[in-house]
């Protein structure tokens, strides 16, 4: 099974012990934004994914599955 960007976000967020609200605060977005991204309602664009990557100590390429 191939993981989606949202799956990767959720998995890494849990690994770091962050709530959706806490991750949202780190990247300057609301909890609902993080939830939507994790649920696959949309895939964040590069600038936002870069903020996710920095907060989750990974690369943007990893989050996109490249």
PDB file of N, CA and C in Angstrom:
ATOM      1  N   UNK A   1       0.834  -1.178   0.000  1.00  0.00           N
ATOM      2  CA  UNK A   1       0.000   0.000   0.000  1.00  0.00           C
ATOM      3  C   UNK A   1       0.884   1.250   0.000  1.00  0.00           C
ATOM      4  N   UNK A   2       0.653   2.136  -0.935  1.00  0.00           N
ATOM      5  CA  UNK A   2       1.415   3.373  -1.024  1.00  0.00           C
ATOM      6  C   UNK A   2       0.779   4.436  -0.130  1.00  0.00           C
ATOM      7  N   UNK A   3       1.621   5.082   0.662  1.00  0.00           N
ATOM      8  CA  UNK A   3       1.128   6.128   1.549  1.00  0.00           C
ATOM      9  C   UNK A   3       0.929   7.425   0.780  1.00  0.00           C
ATOM     10  N   UNK A   4      -0.107   8.138   1.132  1.00  0.00           N
ATOM     11  CA  UNK A   4      -0.372   9.455   0.549  1.00  0.00           C
ATOM     12  C   UNK A   4       0.386  10.514   1.360  1.00  0.00           C
ATOM     13  N   UNK A   5       0.502  11.726   0.836  1.00  0.00           N
ATOM     14  CA  UNK A   5       1.112  12.785   1.639  1.00  0.00           C
ATOM     15  C   UNK A   5       0.394  12.972   2.986  1.00  0.00           C
ATOM     16  N   UNK A   6      -0.922  12.875   2.978  1.00  0.00           N
ATOM     17  CA  UNK A   6      -1.678  13.001   4.220  1.00  0.00           C
ATOM     18  C   UNK A   6      -1.351  11.904   5.217  1.00  0.00           C
ATOM     19  N   UNK A   7      -1.183  10.671   4.706  1.00  0.00           N
ATOM     20  CA  UNK A   7      -0.794   9.553   5.573  1.00  0.00           C
ATOM     21  C   UNK A   7       0.568   9.817   6.204  1.00  0.00           C
ATOM     22  N   UNK A   8       1.494  10.313   5.391  1.00  0.00           N
ATOM     23  CA  UNK A   8       2.834  10.604   5.902  1.00  0.00           C
ATOM     24  C   UNK A   8       2.795  11.710   6.957  1.00  0.00           C
ATOM     25  N   UNK A   9       1.997  12.749   6.700  1.00  0.00           N
ATOM     26  CA  UNK A   9       1.864  13.830   7.684  1.00  0.00           C
ATOM     27  C   UNK A   9       1.347  13.288   9.012  1.00  0.00           C
ATOM     28  N   UNK A  10       0.283  12.501   8.958  1.00  0.00           N
ATOM     29  CA  UNK A  10      -0.326  11.962  10.182  1.00  0.00           C
ATOM     30  C   UNK A  10       0.644  11.062  10.932  1.00  0.00           C
ATOM     31  N   UNK A  11       1.351  10.221  10.195  1.00  0.00           N
ATOM     32  CA  UNK A  11       2.282   9.279  10.818  1.00  0.00           C
ATOM     33  C   UNK A  11       3.424  10.021  11.509  1.00  0.00           C
ATOM     34  N   UNK A  12       4.002  10.998  10.823  1.00  0.00           N
ATOM     35  CA  UNK A  12       5.102  11.757  11.415  1.00  0.00           C
ATOM     36  C   UNK A  12       4.629  12.635  12.567  1.00  0.00           C
ATOM     37  N   UNK A  13       3.445  13.198  12.440  1.00  0.00           N
ATOM     38  CA  UNK A  13       2.904  14.025  13.531  1.00  0.00           C
ATOM     39  C   UNK A  13       2.766  13.178  14.788  1.00  0.00           C
ATOM     40  N   UNK A  14       2.226  11.969  14.635  1.00  0.00           N
ATOM     41  CA  UNK A  14       2.056  11.068  15.778  1.00  0.00           C
ATOM     42  C   UNK A  14       3.419  10.659  16.340  1.00  0.00           C
ATOM     43  N   UNK A  15       4.370  10.386  15.460  1.00  0.00           N
ATOM     44  CA  UNK A  15       5.717   9.996  15.894  1.00  0.00           C
ATOM     45  C   UNK A  15       6.350  11.076  16.767  1.00  0.00           C
ATOM     46  N   UNK A  16       6.085  12.331  16.451  1.00  0.00           N
ATOM     47  CA  UNK A  16       6.631  13.447  17.209  1.00  0.00           C
ATOM     48  C   UNK A  16       5.748  13.839  18.398  1.00  0.00           C
ATOM     49  N   UNK A  17       4.644  13.128  18.596  1.00  0.00           N
ATOM     50  CA  UNK A  17       3.790  13.386  19.751  1.00  0.00           C
ATOM     51  C   UNK A  17       3.048  14.711  19.687  1.00  0.00           C
ATOM     52  N   UNK A  18       2.734  15.154  18.472  1.00  0.00           N
ATOM     53  CA  UNK A  18       2.049  16.434  18.302  1.00  0.00           C
ATOM     54  C   UNK A  18       0.567  16.229  18.004  1.00  0.00           C
ATOM     55  N   UNK A  19      -0.251  17.094  18.538  1.00  0.00           N
ATOM     56  CA  UNK A  19      -1.661  17.102  18.153  1.00  0.00           C
ATOM     57  C   UNK A  19      -1.778  17.870  16.842  1.00  0.00           C
ATOM     58  N   UNK A  20      -2.918  17.766  16.205  1.00  0.00           N
ATOM     59  CA  UNK A  20      -3.145  18.538  14.984  1.00  0.00           C
ATOM     60  C   UNK A  20      -3.074  20.032  15.291  1.00  0.00           C
ATOM     61  N   UNK A  21      -3.607  20.431  16.425  1.00  0.00           N
ATOM     62  CA  UNK A  21      -3.576  21.840  16.814  1.00  0.00           C
ATOM     63  C   UNK A  21      -2.145  22.321  17.029  1.00  0.00           C
ATOM     64  N   UNK A  22      -1.329  21.495  17.690  1.00  0.00           N
ATOM     65  CA  UNK A  22       0.062  21.871  17.949  1.00  0.00           C
ATOM     66  C   UNK A  22       0.840  21.994  16.640  1.00  0.00           C
ATOM     67  N   UNK A  23       0.644  21.050  15.736  1.00  0.00           N
ATOM     68  CA  UNK A  23       1.324  21.124  14.445  1.00  0.00           C
ATOM     69  C   UNK A  23       0.848  22.350  13.671  1.00  0.00           C
ATOM     70  N   UNK A  24      -0.428  22.615  13.730  1.00  0.00           N
ATOM     71  CA  UNK A  24      -0.963  23.800  13.074  1.00  0.00           C
ATOM     72  C   UNK A  24      -0.318  25.079  13.579  1.00  0.00           C
ATOM     73  N   UNK A  25      -0.142  25.168  14.895  1.00  0.00           N
ATOM     74  CA  UNK A  25       0.509  26.352  15.466  1.00  0.00           C
ATOM     75  C   UNK A  25       1.944  26.485  14.958  1.00  0.00           C
ATOM     76  N   UNK A  26       2.642  25.367  14.824  1.00  0.00           N
ATOM     77  CA  UNK A  26       4.032  25.400  14.353  1.00  0.00           C
ATOM     78  C   UNK A  26       4.152  25.900  12.918  1.00  0.00           C
ATOM     79  N   UNK A  27       3.133  25.645  12.115  1.00  0.00           N
ATOM     80  CA  UNK A  27       3.215  26.046  10.702  1.00  0.00           C
ATOM     81  C   UNK A  27       2.346  27.269  10.383  1.00  0.00           C
ATOM     82  N   UNK A  28       1.676  27.802  11.384  1.00  0.00           N
ATOM     83  CA  UNK A  28       0.859  29.000  11.179  1.00  0.00           C
ATOM     84  C   UNK A  28      -0.480  28.731  10.522  1.00  0.00           C
ATOM     85  N   UNK A  29      -1.041  27.548  10.761  1.00  0.00           N
ATOM     86  CA  UNK A  29      -2.349  27.180  10.197  1.00  0.00           C
ATOM     87  C   UNK A  29      -3.260  26.701  11.320  1.00  0.00           C
ATOM     88  N   UNK A  30      -4.550  26.631  11.021  1.00  0.00           N
ATOM     89  CA  UNK A  30      -5.537  26.130  11.985  1.00  0.00           C
ATOM     90  C   UNK A  30      -5.508  24.602  12.040  1.00  0.00           C
ATOM     91  N   UNK A  31      -6.020  24.042  13.131  1.00  0.00           N
ATOM     92  CA  UNK A  31      -6.105  22.588  13.274  1.00  0.00           C
ATOM     93  C   UNK A  31      -6.880  21.973  12.124  1.00  0.00           C
ATOM     94  N   UNK A  32      -7.931  22.647  11.683  1.00  0.00           N
ATOM     95  CA  UNK A  32      -8.767  22.121  10.602  1.00  0.00           C
ATOM     96  C   UNK A  32      -7.974  21.959   9.310  1.00  0.00           C
ATOM     97  N   UNK A  33      -7.009  22.848   9.087  1.00  0.00           N
ATOM     98  CA  UNK A  33      -6.158  22.740   7.895  1.00  0.00           C
ATOM     99  C   UNK A  33      -5.340  21.452   7.958  1.00  0.00           C
ATOM    100  N   UNK A  34      -4.721  21.200   9.110  1.00  0.00           N
ATOM    101  CA  UNK A  34      -3.920  19.993   9.294  1.00  0.00           C
ATOM    102  C   UNK A  34      -4.801  18.759   9.110  1.00  0.00           C
ATOM    103  N   UNK A  35      -5.982  18.789   9.704  1.00  0.00           N
ATOM    104  CA  UNK A  35      -6.917  17.663   9.576  1.00  0.00           C
ATOM    105  C   UNK A  35      -7.265  17.410   8.106  1.00  0.00           C
ATOM    106  N   UNK A  36      -7.591  18.445   7.372  1.00  0.00           N
ATOM    107  CA  UNK A  36      -7.939  18.307   5.966  1.00  0.00           C
ATOM    108  C   UNK A  36      -6.799  17.729   5.144  1.00  0.00           C
ATOM    109  N   UNK A  37      -5.583  18.186   5.424  1.00  0.00           N
ATOM    110  CA  UNK A  37      -4.418  17.668   4.708  1.00  0.00           C
ATOM    111  C   UNK A  37      -4.201  16.190   5.029  1.00  0.00           C
ATOM    112  N   UNK A  38      -4.327  15.831   6.296  1.00  0.00           N
ATOM    113  CA  UNK A  38      -4.137  14.434   6.688  1.00  0.00           C
ATOM    114  C   UNK A  38      -5.224  13.532   6.112  1.00  0.00           C
ATOM    115  N   UNK A  39      -6.418  14.045   5.976  1.00  0.00           N
ATOM    116  CA  UNK A  39      -7.526  13.249   5.439  1.00  0.00           C
ATOM    117  C   UNK A  39      -7.505  13.163   3.917  1.00  0.00           C
ATOM    118  N   UNK A  40      -6.593  13.881   3.287  1.00  0.00           N
ATOM    119  CA  UNK A  40      -6.480  13.834   1.837  1.00  0.00           C
ATOM    120  C   UNK A  40      -7.483  14.701   1.104  1.00  0.00           C
ATOM    121  N   UNK A  41      -8.094  15.639   1.801  1.00  0.00           N
ATOM    122  CA  UNK A  41      -9.043  16.539   1.136  1.00  0.00           C
ATOM    123  C   UNK A  41      -8.323  17.441   0.143  1.00  0.00           C
ATOM    124  N   UNK A  42      -7.031  17.673   0.391  1.00  0.00           N
ATOM    125  CA  UNK A  42      -6.182  18.454  -0.503  1.00  0.00           C
ATOM    126  C   UNK A  42      -4.740  18.106  -0.177  1.00  0.00           C
ATOM    127  N   UNK A  43      -3.845  18.415  -1.099  1.00  0.00           N
ATOM    128  CA  UNK A  43      -2.415  18.238  -0.869  1.00  0.00           C
ATOM    129  C   UNK A  43      -1.815  19.641  -0.777  1.00  0.00           C
ATOM    130  N   UNK A  44      -1.200  19.955   0.350  1.00  0.00           N
ATOM    131  CA  UNK A  44      -0.622  21.289   0.509  1.00  0.00           C
ATOM    132  C   UNK A  44       0.404  21.589  -0.583  1.00  0.00           C
ATOM    133  N   UNK A  45       0.462  22.853  -0.965  1.00  0.00           N
ATOM    134  CA  UNK A  45       1.446  23.288  -1.950  1.00  0.00           C
ATOM    135  C   UNK A  45       2.824  23.365  -1.293  1.00  0.00           C
ATOM    136  N   UNK A  46       3.839  23.467  -2.144  1.00  0.00           N
ATOM    137  CA  UNK A  46       5.238  23.406  -1.691  1.00  0.00           C
ATOM    138  C   UNK A  46       5.548  24.316  -0.502  1.00  0.00           C
ATOM    139  N   UNK A  47       5.186  25.603  -0.498  1.00  0.00           N
ATOM    140  CA  UNK A  47       5.573  26.455   0.649  1.00  0.00           C
ATOM    141  C   UNK A  47       5.034  25.939   1.992  1.00  0.00           C
ATOM    142  N   UNK A  48       3.799  25.479   1.991  1.00  0.00           N
ATOM    143  CA  UNK A  48       3.224  24.957   3.232  1.00  0.00           C
ATOM    144  C   UNK A  48       3.825  23.600   3.574  1.00  0.00           C
ATOM    145  N   UNK A  49       4.043  22.769   2.555  1.00  0.00           N
ATOM    146  CA  UNK A  49       4.638  21.462   2.804  1.00  0.00           C
ATOM    147  C   UNK A  49       6.055  21.631   3.358  1.00  0.00           C
ATOM    148  N   UNK A  50       6.742  22.694   2.952  1.00  0.00           N
ATOM    149  CA  UNK A  50       8.071  22.983   3.483  1.00  0.00           C
ATOM    150  C   UNK A  50       7.990  23.283   4.983  1.00  0.00           C
ATOM    151  N   UNK A  51       6.950  23.996   5.396  1.00  0.00           N
ATOM    152  CA  UNK A  51       6.752  24.274   6.824  1.00  0.00           C
ATOM    153  C   UNK A  51       6.451  22.984   7.588  1.00  0.00           C
ATOM    154  N   UNK A  52       5.612  22.113   6.994  1.00  0.00           N
ATOM    155  CA  UNK A  52       5.343  20.812   7.612  1.00  0.00           C
ATOM    156  C   UNK A  52       6.652  20.036   7.765  1.00  0.00           C
ATOM    157  N   UNK A  53       7.441  19.998   6.694  1.00  0.00           N
ATOM    158  CA  UNK A  53       8.692  19.233   6.707  1.00  0.00           C
ATOM    159  C   UNK A  53       9.635  19.742   7.797  1.00  0.00           C
ATOM    160  N   UNK A  54       9.752  21.034   7.919  1.00  0.00           N
ATOM    161  CA  UNK A  54      10.619  21.608   8.936  1.00  0.00           C
ATOM    162  C   UNK A  54      10.128  21.240  10.338  1.00  0.00           C
ATOM    163  N   UNK A  55       8.837  21.373  10.578  1.00  0.00           N
ATOM    164  CA  UNK A  55       8.268  21.063  11.897  1.00  0.00           C
ATOM    165  C   UNK A  55       8.400  19.583  12.235  1.00  0.00           C
ATOM    166  N   UNK A  56       8.348  18.728  11.205  1.00  0.00           N
ATOM    167  CA  UNK A  56       8.382  17.284  11.422  1.00  0.00           C
ATOM    168  C   UNK A  56       9.761  16.682  11.171  1.00  0.00           C
ATOM    169  N   UNK A  57      10.757  17.550  10.953  1.00  0.00           N
ATOM    170  CA  UNK A  57      12.150  17.131  10.781  1.00  0.00           C
ATOM    171  C   UNK A  57      12.304  16.081   9.672  1.00  0.00           C
ATOM    172  N   UNK A  58      11.776  16.426   8.504  1.00  0.00           N
ATOM    173  CA  UNK A  58      11.886  15.553   7.343  1.00  0.00           C
ATOM    174  C   UNK A  58      12.019  16.432   6.112  1.00  0.00           C
ATOM    175  N   UNK A  59      11.998  15.815   4.939  1.00  0.00           N
ATOM    176  CA  UNK A  59      12.102  16.592   3.712  1.00  0.00           C
ATOM    177  C   UNK A  59      10.747  16.721   3.027  1.00  0.00           C
ATOM    178  N   UNK A  60      10.609  17.744   2.225  1.00  0.00           N
ATOM    179  CA  UNK A  60       9.388  17.921   1.441  1.00  0.00           C
ATOM    180  C   UNK A  60       9.231  16.745   0.497  1.00  0.00           C
ATOM    181  N   UNK A  61      10.346  16.289  -0.081  1.00  0.00           N
ATOM    182  CA  UNK A  61      10.294  15.164  -1.012  1.00  0.00           C
ATOM    183  C   UNK A  61       9.719  13.915  -0.336  1.00  0.00           C
ATOM    184  N   UNK A  62      10.106  13.698   0.912  1.00  0.00           N
ATOM    185  CA  UNK A  62       9.565  12.538   1.642  1.00  0.00           C
ATOM    186  C   UNK A  62       8.061  12.685   1.841  1.00  0.00           C
ATOM    187  N   UNK A  63       7.617  13.868   2.218  1.00  0.00           N
ATOM    188  CA  UNK A  63       6.188  14.065   2.454  1.00  0.00           C
ATOM    189  C   UNK A  63       5.379  13.857   1.172  1.00  0.00           C
ATOM    190  N   UNK A  64       5.930  14.282   0.037  1.00  0.00           N
ATOM    191  CA  UNK A  64       5.230  14.096  -1.239  1.00  0.00           C
ATOM    192  C   UNK A  64       5.380  12.673  -1.765  1.00  0.00           C
ATOM    193  N   UNK A  65       6.284  11.897  -1.157  1.00  0.00           N
ATOM    194  CA  UNK A  65       6.447  10.508  -1.584  1.00  0.00           C
ATOM    195  C   UNK A  65       7.359  10.340  -2.778  1.00  0.00           C
ATOM    196  N   UNK A  66       8.252  11.273  -2.950  1.00  0.00           N
ATOM    197  CA  UNK A  66       9.174  11.218  -4.092  1.00  0.00           C
ATOM    198  C   UNK A  66      10.428  10.457  -3.723  1.00  0.00           C
TER     199      UNK A  66
END
